[in-house]
Structure formats: structure tokens, C-alpha cells
């Protein structure tokens, strides 16, 4: 599925967007989960 979303971003004006993945620790169980989003490149530093 990731290949499909990244490939669709490369057409047209999608080069200004990036798919970002952040690892987040769960407060209940202590395990890690992954949060994925597609955001504009201007917001990259704010997201991380």
C-alpha cells in the first residue's frame, strides 16, 4: 500500500508532499506504534 500512495504523489503537484512515519510509545502498554501521515514539506519540522 505504501508504494501506491508514494507513486500517486509523484504525479502532478505531489512533489511538495512527503509521507512521514513517527514511532510513538504507548503510555498504557509501553509498546511502540507507528503514526503515518502525508504532509506538505513546509510542515516537516513541526511534525517531528
N, C-alpha and C. Protein backbone atom coordinates (compact mmCIF):
# COMPACT_ATOMS: atom_id res chain seq x y z
N UNK A 1 0.82 -1.19 0.00
CA UNK A 1 0.00 0.00 0.00
C UNK A 1 0.87 1.26 0.00
N UNK A 2 1.99 1.22 0.65
CA UNK A 2 2.85 2.40 0.71
C UNK A 2 3.36 2.77 -0.68
N UNK A 3 3.66 1.78 -1.49
CA UNK A 3 4.15 2.05 -2.83
C UNK A 3 3.10 2.80 -3.64
N UNK A 4 1.85 2.43 -3.47
CA UNK A 4 0.78 3.06 -4.23
C UNK A 4 0.61 4.52 -3.83
N UNK A 5 0.66 4.83 -2.53
CA UNK A 5 0.47 6.21 -2.10
C UNK A 5 1.65 7.08 -2.51
N UNK A 6 2.85 6.56 -2.43
CA UNK A 6 4.02 7.33 -2.83
C UNK A 6 4.03 7.54 -4.34
N UNK A 7 3.66 6.55 -5.10
CA UNK A 7 3.63 6.67 -6.55
C UNK A 7 2.59 7.69 -7.00
N UNK A 8 1.47 7.75 -6.32
CA UNK A 8 0.44 8.71 -6.71
C UNK A 8 0.86 10.13 -6.37
N UNK A 9 1.74 10.31 -5.39
CA UNK A 9 2.20 11.66 -5.04
C UNK A 9 3.18 12.21 -6.07
N UNK A 10 3.82 11.35 -6.83
CA UNK A 10 4.84 11.80 -7.76
C UNK A 10 4.25 12.36 -9.05
N UNK A 11 2.96 12.26 -9.22
CA UNK A 11 2.31 12.80 -10.41
C UNK A 11 1.77 14.19 -10.07
N UNK A 12 1.94 15.13 -10.98
CA UNK A 12 1.38 16.47 -10.79
C UNK A 12 2.08 17.25 -9.70
N UNK A 13 1.30 17.83 -8.77
CA UNK A 13 1.86 18.69 -7.73
C UNK A 13 2.21 17.97 -6.46
N UNK A 14 2.32 16.65 -6.49
CA UNK A 14 2.58 15.89 -5.28
C UNK A 14 4.01 15.93 -4.80
N UNK A 15 4.90 16.54 -5.55
CA UNK A 15 6.30 16.57 -5.13
C UNK A 15 6.51 17.48 -3.94
N UNK A 16 5.52 18.27 -3.57
CA UNK A 16 5.63 19.14 -2.41
C UNK A 16 5.14 18.45 -1.14
N UNK A 17 4.79 17.18 -1.24
CA UNK A 17 4.29 16.43 -0.09
C UNK A 17 5.24 15.27 0.21
N UNK A 18 5.26 14.86 1.47
CA UNK A 18 6.09 13.73 1.88
C UNK A 18 5.28 12.82 2.79
N UNK A 19 5.59 11.54 2.71
CA UNK A 19 4.99 10.57 3.62
C UNK A 19 5.94 10.44 4.81
N UNK A 20 5.42 10.70 6.02
CA UNK A 20 6.27 10.67 7.22
C UNK A 20 5.76 9.59 8.17
N UNK A 21 6.69 8.97 8.86
CA UNK A 21 6.37 7.91 9.83
C UNK A 21 7.06 8.25 11.13
N UNK A 22 6.30 8.27 12.23
CA UNK A 22 6.86 8.55 13.55
C UNK A 22 6.55 7.40 14.49
N UNK A 23 7.52 6.99 15.28
CA UNK A 23 7.33 5.92 16.25
C UNK A 23 6.89 6.55 17.57
N UNK A 24 5.75 6.10 18.12
CA UNK A 24 5.17 6.67 19.33
C UNK A 24 5.02 5.56 20.37
N UNK A 25 5.46 5.85 21.59
CA UNK A 25 5.36 4.86 22.66
C UNK A 25 3.99 4.98 23.34
N UNK A 26 3.32 3.85 23.50
CA UNK A 26 2.00 3.82 24.13
C UNK A 26 2.16 3.98 25.64
N UNK A 27 1.40 4.89 26.26
CA UNK A 27 1.52 5.07 27.71
C UNK A 27 0.95 3.89 28.51
N UNK A 28 -0.03 3.18 27.95
CA UNK A 28 -0.64 2.06 28.67
C UNK A 28 0.26 0.83 28.72
N UNK A 29 0.65 0.35 27.55
CA UNK A 29 1.36 -0.92 27.48
C UNK A 29 2.87 -0.76 27.35
N UNK A 30 3.34 0.42 26.97
CA UNK A 30 4.77 0.62 26.78
C UNK A 30 5.28 0.15 25.44
N UNK A 31 4.40 -0.38 24.60
CA UNK A 31 4.81 -0.83 23.28
C UNK A 31 4.82 0.37 22.31
N UNK A 32 5.47 0.19 21.19
CA UNK A 32 5.58 1.26 20.21
C UNK A 32 4.58 1.05 19.07
N UNK A 33 4.01 2.14 18.62
CA UNK A 33 3.14 2.13 17.45
C UNK A 33 3.69 3.13 16.43
N UNK A 34 3.26 3.01 15.20
CA UNK A 34 3.74 3.88 14.15
C UNK A 34 2.61 4.76 13.66
N UNK A 35 2.87 6.06 13.58
CA UNK A 35 1.90 7.02 13.10
C UNK A 35 2.37 7.50 11.72
N UNK A 36 1.54 7.30 10.70
CA UNK A 36 1.90 7.66 9.33
C UNK A 36 0.97 8.76 8.83
N UNK A 37 1.55 9.72 8.11
CA UNK A 37 0.77 10.79 7.51
C UNK A 37 1.44 11.25 6.23
N UNK A 38 0.68 11.88 5.38
CA UNK A 38 1.22 12.54 4.20
C UNK A 38 1.00 14.03 4.43
N UNK A 39 2.11 14.77 4.52
CA UNK A 39 2.02 16.19 4.86
C UNK A 39 2.81 17.02 3.84
N UNK A 40 2.56 18.32 3.86
CA UNK A 40 3.27 19.24 2.98
C UNK A 40 4.69 19.44 3.52
N UNK A 41 5.64 19.65 2.64
CA UNK A 41 7.04 19.78 3.04
C UNK A 41 7.30 20.96 3.96
N UNK A 42 6.46 21.98 3.94
CA UNK A 42 6.62 23.13 4.83
C UNK A 42 6.38 22.77 6.29
N UNK A 43 5.63 21.71 6.54
CA UNK A 43 5.27 21.34 7.92
C UNK A 43 6.14 20.22 8.48
N UNK A 44 7.20 19.81 7.78
CA UNK A 44 8.02 18.68 8.21
C UNK A 44 8.64 18.87 9.60
N UNK A 45 9.25 20.01 9.84
CA UNK A 45 9.93 20.25 11.13
C UNK A 45 8.91 20.31 12.27
N UNK A 46 7.73 20.85 12.03
CA UNK A 46 6.69 20.92 13.07
C UNK A 46 6.18 19.53 13.43
N UNK A 47 6.11 18.65 12.44
CA UNK A 47 5.55 17.32 12.67
C UNK A 47 6.46 16.47 13.54
N UNK A 48 7.77 16.58 13.29
CA UNK A 48 8.72 15.78 14.08
C UNK A 48 9.04 16.50 15.36
